[in-house]
Amino acid sequence: MWNSGVAASGWSWPRAAVAAVITAVAVGVPTSVIDTPYFTRMTPVQWWNYPTLALTAVWAGIRGRRTARAAGSTSGALTAIGSALAIGCPVCNKLVVGLLGVSGALSVWAPIQPALAALSVGALLVAVIIRWRGRGCDEQSCTPAPAATRGIDKVASLSR
């Protein structure tokens, strides 16, 4: 049953792995968490940058293929951008330096980055949970998850 719902949603391990790698490269290279000769980071990579990047990549892979019903959803893109802002070098971010200056980027923005990383990863987790709860849905019908059905049955019995 789980495999049929997963197959119907278009999700597969190879597709998830490719999405995770693309997300890791798209977020990790410009922020220089993944070291390349293309970008030089002016502040050291913090310990929490690596798990944030890894969770962003894994959860983006798990999120799966977007359906026609979710075509307008931008939660995955916004949380990936949030992760990039959270793990990026505070002095390398032109917007932050333009608004706060270099000293403001280090004294104001840098302390906020761990909270932004937690919010971004949390938002991705919520997006994954919502996506996987509706994985049996298509454009015509939706079979609710058992946990959701129990809540609906309790509400229906109370309203009678």
N, C-alpha and C. Protein backbone atom coordinates (compact mmCIF):
# COMPACT_ATOMS: atom_id res chain seq x y z
N MET A 1 0.82 -1.19 0.00
CA MET A 1 0.00 0.00 0.00
C MET A 1 0.87 1.26 0.00
N TRP A 2 1.93 1.28 0.85
CA TRP A 2 2.80 2.44 0.89
C TRP A 2 3.48 2.63 -0.45
N ASN A 3 3.93 1.54 -1.06
CA ASN A 3 4.62 1.65 -2.34
C ASN A 3 3.70 2.15 -3.44
N SER A 4 2.42 1.74 -3.42
CA SER A 4 1.52 2.22 -4.46
C SER A 4 1.24 3.71 -4.31
N GLY A 5 1.12 4.18 -3.07
CA GLY A 5 0.91 5.62 -2.85
C GLY A 5 2.13 6.42 -3.25
N VAL A 6 3.31 5.88 -2.97
CA VAL A 6 4.55 6.56 -3.34
C VAL A 6 4.70 6.57 -4.84
N ALA A 7 4.41 5.45 -5.48
CA ALA A 7 4.53 5.38 -6.94
C ALA A 7 3.53 6.33 -7.60
N ALA A 8 2.34 6.43 -7.03
CA ALA A 8 1.34 7.32 -7.61
C ALA A 8 1.75 8.78 -7.50
N SER A 9 2.54 9.11 -6.46
CA SER A 9 2.95 10.51 -6.29
C SER A 9 4.13 10.87 -7.17
N GLY A 10 4.75 9.90 -7.84
CA GLY A 10 5.89 10.18 -8.71
C GLY A 10 7.21 10.23 -7.95
N TRP A 11 7.23 9.82 -6.67
CA TRP A 11 8.42 9.88 -5.86
C TRP A 11 9.23 8.61 -6.06
N SER A 12 10.54 8.74 -6.13
CA SER A 12 11.42 7.58 -6.20
C SER A 12 12.74 7.95 -5.56
N TRP A 13 13.49 6.92 -5.13
CA TRP A 13 14.79 7.15 -4.49
C TRP A 13 15.77 7.85 -5.43
N PRO A 14 15.92 7.43 -6.68
CA PRO A 14 16.86 8.15 -7.56
C PRO A 14 16.47 9.61 -7.76
N ARG A 15 15.20 9.87 -7.93
CA ARG A 15 14.73 11.25 -8.11
C ARG A 15 15.00 12.07 -6.84
N ALA A 16 14.77 11.47 -5.67
CA ALA A 16 15.02 12.16 -4.41
C ALA A 16 16.51 12.43 -4.23
N ALA A 17 17.35 11.47 -4.61
CA ALA A 17 18.81 11.67 -4.49
C ALA A 17 19.29 12.79 -5.40
N VAL A 18 18.78 12.83 -6.61
CA VAL A 18 19.16 13.90 -7.55
C VAL A 18 18.71 15.26 -7.01
N ALA A 19 17.49 15.33 -6.49
CA ALA A 19 16.99 16.59 -5.93
C ALA A 19 17.81 17.03 -4.73
N ALA A 20 18.22 16.07 -3.89
CA ALA A 20 19.04 16.40 -2.72
C ALA A 20 20.41 16.91 -3.14
N VAL A 21 21.03 16.28 -4.13
CA VAL A 21 22.35 16.72 -4.60
C VAL A 21 22.25 18.10 -5.23
N ILE A 22 21.25 18.32 -6.06
CA ILE A 22 21.08 19.63 -6.71
C ILE A 22 20.86 20.71 -5.65
N THR A 23 20.05 20.43 -4.65
CA THR A 23 19.81 21.40 -3.58
C THR A 23 21.08 21.67 -2.79
N ALA A 24 21.82 20.61 -2.46
CA ALA A 24 23.07 20.79 -1.71
C ALA A 24 24.06 21.66 -2.47
N VAL A 25 24.18 21.42 -3.77
CA VAL A 25 25.10 22.22 -4.59
C VAL A 25 24.58 23.65 -4.73
N ALA A 26 23.27 23.80 -4.98
CA ALA A 26 22.69 25.14 -5.18
C ALA A 26 22.77 26.00 -3.93
N VAL A 27 22.72 25.39 -2.75
CA VAL A 27 22.80 26.15 -1.51
C VAL A 27 24.23 26.17 -0.98
N GLY A 28 24.94 25.07 -1.08
CA GLY A 28 26.26 24.95 -0.47
C GLY A 28 27.39 25.64 -1.19
N VAL A 29 27.35 25.68 -2.51
CA VAL A 29 28.45 26.31 -3.27
C VAL A 29 28.43 27.83 -3.13
N PRO A 30 27.32 28.52 -3.37
CA PRO A 30 27.34 29.99 -3.23
C PRO A 30 27.62 30.47 -1.81
N THR A 31 27.25 29.68 -0.81
CA THR A 31 27.52 30.05 0.58
C THR A 31 28.90 29.61 1.02
N SER A 32 29.60 28.88 0.18
CA SER A 32 30.95 28.37 0.43
C SER A 32 31.02 27.41 1.61
N VAL A 33 29.89 26.79 1.94
CA VAL A 33 29.92 25.69 2.91
C VAL A 33 30.55 24.48 2.23
N ILE A 34 30.24 24.30 0.95
CA ILE A 34 30.96 23.34 0.12
C ILE A 34 32.11 24.13 -0.51
N ASP A 35 33.32 23.81 -0.12
CA ASP A 35 34.48 24.59 -0.53
C ASP A 35 34.78 24.37 -2.01
N THR A 36 34.83 25.47 -2.75
CA THR A 36 35.18 25.45 -4.17
C THR A 36 36.12 26.63 -4.45
N PRO A 37 36.82 26.61 -5.56
CA PRO A 37 37.67 27.76 -5.89
C PRO A 37 36.89 28.96 -6.41
N TYR A 38 35.58 28.83 -6.60
CA TYR A 38 34.77 29.90 -7.17
C TYR A 38 34.40 30.98 -6.16
N PHE A 39 34.25 30.62 -4.90
CA PHE A 39 33.85 31.58 -3.86
C PHE A 39 34.80 31.46 -2.69
N THR A 40 35.09 32.59 -2.08
CA THR A 40 35.92 32.61 -0.88
C THR A 40 35.09 33.20 0.24
N ARG A 41 34.99 32.47 1.31
CA ARG A 41 34.21 32.90 2.46
C ARG A 41 35.09 33.72 3.38
N MET A 42 34.59 34.86 3.83
CA MET A 42 35.38 35.76 4.66
C MET A 42 35.30 35.44 6.14
N THR A 43 34.30 34.67 6.55
CA THR A 43 34.19 34.21 7.94
C THR A 43 34.19 32.69 7.92
N PRO A 44 34.65 32.07 8.99
CA PRO A 44 34.69 30.60 8.99
C PRO A 44 33.30 29.98 8.99
N VAL A 45 33.21 28.78 8.44
CA VAL A 45 31.97 28.02 8.45
C VAL A 45 31.70 27.58 9.88
N GLN A 46 30.48 27.81 10.35
CA GLN A 46 30.10 27.41 11.71
C GLN A 46 29.70 25.94 11.72
N TRP A 47 29.75 25.31 12.87
CA TRP A 47 29.45 23.88 12.98
C TRP A 47 28.03 23.57 12.55
N TRP A 48 27.08 24.47 12.80
CA TRP A 48 25.68 24.20 12.50
C TRP A 48 25.35 24.42 11.02
N ASN A 49 26.29 24.97 10.25
CA ASN A 49 26.06 25.16 8.82
C ASN A 49 25.96 23.82 8.10
N TYR A 50 26.78 22.85 8.52
CA TYR A 50 26.77 21.54 7.85
C TYR A 50 25.47 20.78 8.07
N PRO A 51 24.97 20.63 9.31
CA PRO A 51 23.68 19.95 9.46
C PRO A 51 22.52 20.69 8.80
N THR A 52 22.57 22.02 8.80
CA THR A 52 21.51 22.78 8.14
C THR A 52 21.51 22.49 6.65
N LEU A 53 22.68 22.50 6.03
CA LEU A 53 22.79 22.19 4.61
C LEU A 53 22.34 20.76 4.33
N ALA A 54 22.78 19.82 5.16
CA ALA A 54 22.40 18.42 4.95
C ALA A 54 20.89 18.21 5.09
N LEU A 55 20.29 18.79 6.13
CA LEU A 55 18.84 18.63 6.31
C LEU A 55 18.06 19.31 5.20
N THR A 56 18.53 20.47 4.76
CA THR A 56 17.87 21.15 3.65
C THR A 56 17.90 20.28 2.41
N ALA A 57 19.04 19.69 2.11
CA ALA A 57 19.17 18.85 0.92
C ALA A 57 18.32 17.59 1.03
N VAL A 58 18.39 16.92 2.18
CA VAL A 58 17.63 15.67 2.36
C VAL A 58 16.14 15.93 2.30
N TRP A 59 15.67 16.95 3.00
CA TRP A 59 14.24 17.22 3.01
C TRP A 59 13.75 17.73 1.67
N ALA A 60 14.60 18.43 0.94
CA ALA A 60 14.20 18.84 -0.42
C ALA A 60 14.07 17.61 -1.31
N GLY A 61 14.93 16.61 -1.11
CA GLY A 61 14.82 15.37 -1.87
C GLY A 61 13.59 14.57 -1.48
N ILE A 62 13.30 14.53 -0.20
CA ILE A 62 12.13 13.79 0.28
C ILE A 62 10.84 14.43 -0.21
N ARG A 63 10.85 15.73 -0.33
CA ARG A 63 9.64 16.46 -0.69
C ARG A 63 9.00 15.91 -1.96
N GLY A 64 9.80 15.44 -2.89
CA GLY A 64 9.25 14.75 -4.05
C GLY A 64 8.79 15.67 -5.15
N ARG A 65 8.19 15.06 -6.15
CA ARG A 65 7.73 15.76 -7.35
C ARG A 65 6.53 16.63 -7.01
N ARG A 66 6.52 17.81 -7.57
CA ARG A 66 5.38 18.70 -7.38
C ARG A 66 4.25 18.26 -8.29
N THR A 67 3.07 18.21 -7.73
CA THR A 67 1.91 17.82 -8.51
C THR A 67 1.24 19.07 -9.08
N ALA A 68 0.27 18.88 -9.92
CA ALA A 68 -0.48 20.01 -10.47
C ALA A 68 -1.18 20.77 -9.36
N ARG A 69 -1.61 20.05 -8.32
CA ARG A 69 -2.30 20.69 -7.19
C ARG A 69 -1.35 21.59 -6.42
N ALA A 70 -0.06 21.22 -6.35
CA ALA A 70 0.92 21.98 -5.58
C ALA A 70 1.81 22.83 -6.47
N ALA A 71 1.41 23.05 -7.72
CA ALA A 71 2.26 23.78 -8.65
C ALA A 71 2.52 25.21 -8.21
N GLY A 72 1.61 25.82 -7.47
CA GLY A 72 1.82 27.18 -7.01
C GLY A 72 2.60 27.27 -5.72
N SER A 73 2.95 26.14 -5.13
CA SER A 73 3.65 26.12 -3.86
C SER A 73 5.09 26.60 -4.01
N THR A 74 5.49 27.50 -3.15
CA THR A 74 6.85 28.01 -3.19
C THR A 74 7.59 27.75 -1.88
N SER A 75 7.00 26.93 -1.01
CA SER A 75 7.60 26.72 0.30
C SER A 75 8.99 26.12 0.21
N GLY A 76 9.20 25.19 -0.69
CA GLY A 76 10.53 24.58 -0.82
C GLY A 76 11.58 25.58 -1.28
N ALA A 77 11.23 26.41 -2.25
CA ALA A 77 12.18 27.41 -2.74
C ALA A 77 12.47 28.46 -1.67
N LEU A 78 11.44 28.90 -0.96
CA LEU A 78 11.64 29.90 0.07
C LEU A 78 12.49 29.38 1.22
N THR A 79 12.28 28.13 1.61
CA THR A 79 13.08 27.59 2.70
C THR A 79 14.51 27.32 2.26
N ALA A 80 14.72 26.98 0.99
CA ALA A 80 16.10 26.83 0.49
C ALA A 80 16.80 28.19 0.48
N ILE A 81 16.08 29.24 0.11
CA ILE A 81 16.66 30.58 0.17
C ILE A 81 16.92 30.98 1.62
N GLY A 82 16.00 30.64 2.50
CA GLY A 82 16.21 30.90 3.93
C GLY A 82 17.42 30.17 4.46
N SER A 83 17.62 28.93 4.03
CA SER A 83 18.80 28.18 4.44
C SER A 83 20.07 28.83 3.91
N ALA A 84 20.04 29.28 2.67
CA ALA A 84 21.21 29.93 2.09
C ALA A 84 21.55 31.21 2.86
N LEU A 85 20.53 31.99 3.22
CA LEU A 85 20.77 33.20 4.01
C LEU A 85 21.29 32.85 5.40
N ALA A 86 20.81 31.73 5.95
CA ALA A 86 21.20 31.34 7.30
C ALA A 86 22.64 30.82 7.36
N ILE A 87 23.07 30.08 6.36
CA ILE A 87 24.40 29.49 6.42
C ILE A 87 25.45 30.28 5.67
N GLY A 88 25.03 31.31 4.97
CA GLY A 88 25.98 32.12 4.21
C GLY A 88 26.83 33.00 5.11
N CYS A 89 27.95 33.42 4.59
CA CYS A 89 28.86 34.33 5.29
C CYS A 89 28.15 35.67 5.49
N PRO A 90 28.05 36.18 6.72
CA PRO A 90 27.33 37.43 6.94
C PRO A 90 27.98 38.63 6.24
N VAL A 91 29.29 38.61 6.09
CA VAL A 91 29.99 39.72 5.45
C VAL A 91 29.91 39.61 3.93
N CYS A 92 29.69 38.41 3.41
CA CYS A 92 29.61 38.21 1.96
C CYS A 92 28.23 38.55 1.40
N ASN A 93 27.24 38.69 2.26
CA ASN A 93 25.87 38.98 1.83
C ASN A 93 25.75 40.49 1.56
N LYS A 94 25.69 40.85 0.29
CA LYS A 94 25.68 42.26 -0.11
C LYS A 94 24.46 43.01 0.45
N LEU A 95 23.32 42.36 0.49
CA LEU A 95 22.12 42.99 1.02
C LEU A 95 22.29 43.33 2.50
N VAL A 96 22.78 42.38 3.28
CA VAL A 96 22.97 42.60 4.71
C VAL A 96 24.03 43.68 4.95
N VAL A 97 25.13 43.62 4.22
CA VAL A 97 26.19 44.63 4.38
C VAL A 97 25.67 46.00 3.95
N GLY A 98 24.88 46.05 2.90
CA GLY A 98 24.30 47.32 2.46
C GLY A 98 23.36 47.92 3.48
N LEU A 99 22.58 47.07 4.15
CA LEU A 99 21.62 47.57 5.14
C LEU A 99 22.26 47.85 6.50
N LEU A 100 23.19 46.98 6.93
CA LEU A 100 23.72 47.07 8.30
C LEU A 100 25.19 47.48 8.37
N GLY A 101 25.88 47.42 7.25
CA GLY A 101 27.32 47.64 7.28
C GLY A 101 28.03 46.37 7.72
N VAL A 102 29.35 46.37 7.62
CA VAL A 102 30.12 45.18 7.97
C VAL A 102 30.02 44.89 9.46
N SER A 103 30.13 45.92 10.30
CA SER A 103 30.04 45.67 11.74
C SER A 103 28.64 45.20 12.13
N GLY A 104 27.60 45.74 11.48
CA GLY A 104 26.24 45.28 11.75
C GLY A 104 26.01 43.85 11.27
N ALA A 105 26.63 43.51 10.14
CA ALA A 105 26.50 42.13 9.64
C ALA A 105 27.10 41.15 10.64
N LEU A 106 28.20 41.52 11.27
CA LEU A 106 28.84 40.63 12.23
C LEU A 106 28.19 40.67 13.61
N SER A 107 27.71 41.85 14.02
CA SER A 107 27.16 41.95 15.38
C SER A 107 25.65 41.75 15.44
N VAL A 108 24.93 42.00 14.34
CA VAL A 108 23.48 41.85 14.34
C VAL A 108 23.04 40.62 13.55
N TRP A 109 23.49 40.51 12.29
CA TRP A 109 23.03 39.44 11.41
C TRP A 109 23.58 38.07 11.82
N ALA A 110 24.88 37.99 12.13
CA ALA A 110 25.49 36.70 12.46
C ALA A 110 24.81 36.02 13.65
N PRO A 111 24.45 36.73 14.74
CA PRO A 111 23.75 36.04 15.83
C PRO A 111 22.33 35.58 15.47
N ILE A 112 21.71 36.20 14.46
CA ILE A 112 20.36 35.82 14.04
C ILE A 112 20.39 34.58 13.15
N GLN A 113 21.50 34.31 12.50
CA GLN A 113 21.56 33.22 11.52
C GLN A 113 21.21 31.85 12.07
N PRO A 114 21.63 31.45 13.28
CA PRO A 114 21.20 30.12 13.77
C PRO A 114 19.67 30.01 13.92
N ALA A 115 19.03 31.08 14.36
CA ALA A 115 17.56 31.05 14.48
C ALA A 115 16.91 30.97 13.10
N LEU A 116 17.47 31.70 12.14
CA LEU A 116 16.96 31.63 10.77
C LEU A 116 17.13 30.22 10.20
N ALA A 117 18.26 29.59 10.51
CA ALA A 117 18.49 28.21 10.06
C ALA A 117 17.45 27.27 10.67
N ALA A 118 17.17 27.44 11.96
CA ALA A 118 16.18 26.58 12.62
C ALA A 118 14.79 26.80 12.02
N LEU A 119 14.43 28.06 11.76
CA LEU A 119 13.13 28.35 11.14
C LEU A 119 13.04 27.77 9.74
N SER A 120 14.11 27.88 8.98
CA SER A 120 14.12 27.38 7.61
C SER A 120 13.99 25.86 7.58
N VAL A 121 14.76 25.18 8.41
CA VAL A 121 14.69 23.72 8.46
C VAL A 121 13.34 23.27 9.00
N GLY A 122 12.80 23.99 9.98
CA GLY A 122 11.47 23.67 10.49
C GLY A 122 10.39 23.84 9.44
N ALA A 123 10.49 24.90 8.64
CA ALA A 123 9.52 25.13 7.57
C ALA A 123 9.61 24.03 6.52
N LEU A 124 10.82 23.58 6.22
CA LEU A 124 10.97 22.47 5.27
C LEU A 124 10.36 21.20 5.84
N LEU A 125 10.55 20.96 7.12
CA LEU A 125 9.95 19.78 7.75
C LEU A 125 8.43 19.84 7.65
N VAL A 126 7.85 20.99 7.91
CA VAL A 126 6.39 21.14 7.79
C VAL A 126 5.95 20.90 6.35
N ALA A 127 6.70 21.43 5.38
CA ALA A 127 6.36 21.22 3.97
C ALA A 127 6.41 19.75 3.61
N VAL A 128 7.41 19.04 4.12
CA VAL A 128 7.53 17.60 3.85
C VAL A 128 6.36 16.84 4.47
N ILE A 129 6.01 17.18 5.70
CA ILE A 129 4.90 16.49 6.37
C ILE A 129 3.59 16.73 5.60
N ILE A 130 3.35 17.96 5.21
CA ILE A 130 2.12 18.27 4.46
C ILE A 130 2.11 17.54 3.13
N ARG A 131 3.26 17.53 2.44
CA ARG A 131 3.36 16.87 1.13
C ARG A 131 3.12 15.37 1.26
N TRP A 132 3.72 14.75 2.28
CA TRP A 132 3.59 13.30 2.42
C TRP A 132 2.23 12.89 2.96
N ARG A 133 1.58 13.74 3.69
CA ARG A 133 0.22 13.42 4.13
C ARG A 133 -0.74 13.40 2.95
N GLY A 134 -0.50 14.21 1.95
CA GLY A 134 -1.37 14.27 0.79
C GLY A 134 -0.86 13.49 -0.39
N ARG A 135 0.07 12.55 -0.17
CA ARG A 135 0.67 11.83 -1.30
C ARG A 135 -0.31 10.90 -2.01
N GLY A 136 -1.43 10.55 -1.39
CA GLY A 136 -2.42 9.71 -2.05
C GLY A 136 -3.45 10.52 -2.82
N CYS A 137 -3.25 11.83 -2.87
CA CYS A 137 -4.22 12.72 -3.52
C CYS A 137 -3.87 12.94 -4.99
N ASP A 138 -4.91 13.10 -5.77
CA ASP A 138 -4.72 13.53 -7.16
C ASP A 138 -5.74 14.65 -7.41
N GLU A 139 -5.92 15.02 -8.66
CA GLU A 139 -6.80 16.15 -8.96
C GLU A 139 -8.27 15.84 -8.70
N GLN A 140 -8.69 14.55 -8.75
CA GLN A 140 -10.09 14.21 -8.58
C GLN A 140 -10.44 13.80 -7.16
N SER A 141 -9.56 13.11 -6.46
CA SER A 141 -9.92 12.59 -5.15
C SER A 141 -8.72 12.57 -4.23
N CYS A 142 -9.02 12.40 -2.97
CA CYS A 142 -7.96 12.34 -1.97
C CYS A 142 -8.38 11.35 -0.88
N THR A 143 -7.52 10.40 -0.60
CA THR A 143 -7.76 9.46 0.49
C THR A 143 -7.00 10.00 1.69
N PRO A 144 -7.70 10.45 2.74
CA PRO A 144 -7.01 11.04 3.88
C PRO A 144 -6.16 10.03 4.62
N ALA A 145 -5.12 10.53 5.26
CA ALA A 145 -4.25 9.68 6.08
C ALA A 145 -5.04 9.19 7.29
N PRO A 146 -4.69 8.03 7.85
CA PRO A 146 -5.44 7.50 8.99
C PRO A 146 -5.49 8.45 10.18
N ALA A 147 -4.41 9.17 10.49
CA ALA A 147 -4.42 10.09 11.63
C ALA A 147 -5.41 11.22 11.38
N ALA A 148 -5.46 11.71 10.16
CA ALA A 148 -6.40 12.78 9.84
C ALA A 148 -7.84 12.27 9.91
N THR A 149 -8.06 11.02 9.50
CA THR A 149 -9.40 10.44 9.52
C THR A 149 -9.91 10.33 10.94
N ARG A 150 -9.05 9.94 11.87
CA ARG A 150 -9.49 9.83 13.27
C ARG A 150 -9.98 11.17 13.80
N GLY A 151 -9.26 12.24 13.49
CA GLY A 151 -9.66 13.57 13.94
C GLY A 151 -10.98 13.99 13.33
N ILE A 152 -11.18 13.67 12.05
CA ILE A 152 -12.43 14.02 11.38
C ILE A 152 -13.59 13.23 11.97
N ASP A 153 -13.39 11.94 12.27
CA ASP A 153 -14.45 11.13 12.87
C ASP A 153 -14.85 11.67 14.23
N LYS A 154 -13.89 12.11 15.03
CA LYS A 154 -14.22 12.65 16.36
C LYS A 154 -15.04 13.92 16.22
N VAL A 155 -14.66 14.79 15.30
CA VAL A 155 -15.40 16.04 15.10
C VAL A 155 -16.80 15.74 14.60
N ALA A 156 -16.92 14.77 13.67
CA ALA A 156 -18.23 14.42 13.11
C ALA A 156 -19.14 13.84 14.21
N SER A 157 -18.58 13.03 15.12
CA SER A 157 -19.41 12.44 16.16
C SER A 157 -19.83 13.50 17.17
N LEU A 158 -19.01 14.52 17.41
CA LEU A 158 -19.38 15.59 18.33
C LEU A 158 -20.46 16.49 17.76
N SER A 159 -20.49 16.63 16.45
CA SER A 159 -21.47 17.53 15.84
C SER A 159 -22.85 16.89 15.73
N ARG A 160 -22.97 15.61 15.96
CA ARG A 160 -24.28 14.93 15.87
C ARG A 160 -25.07 15.06 17.11
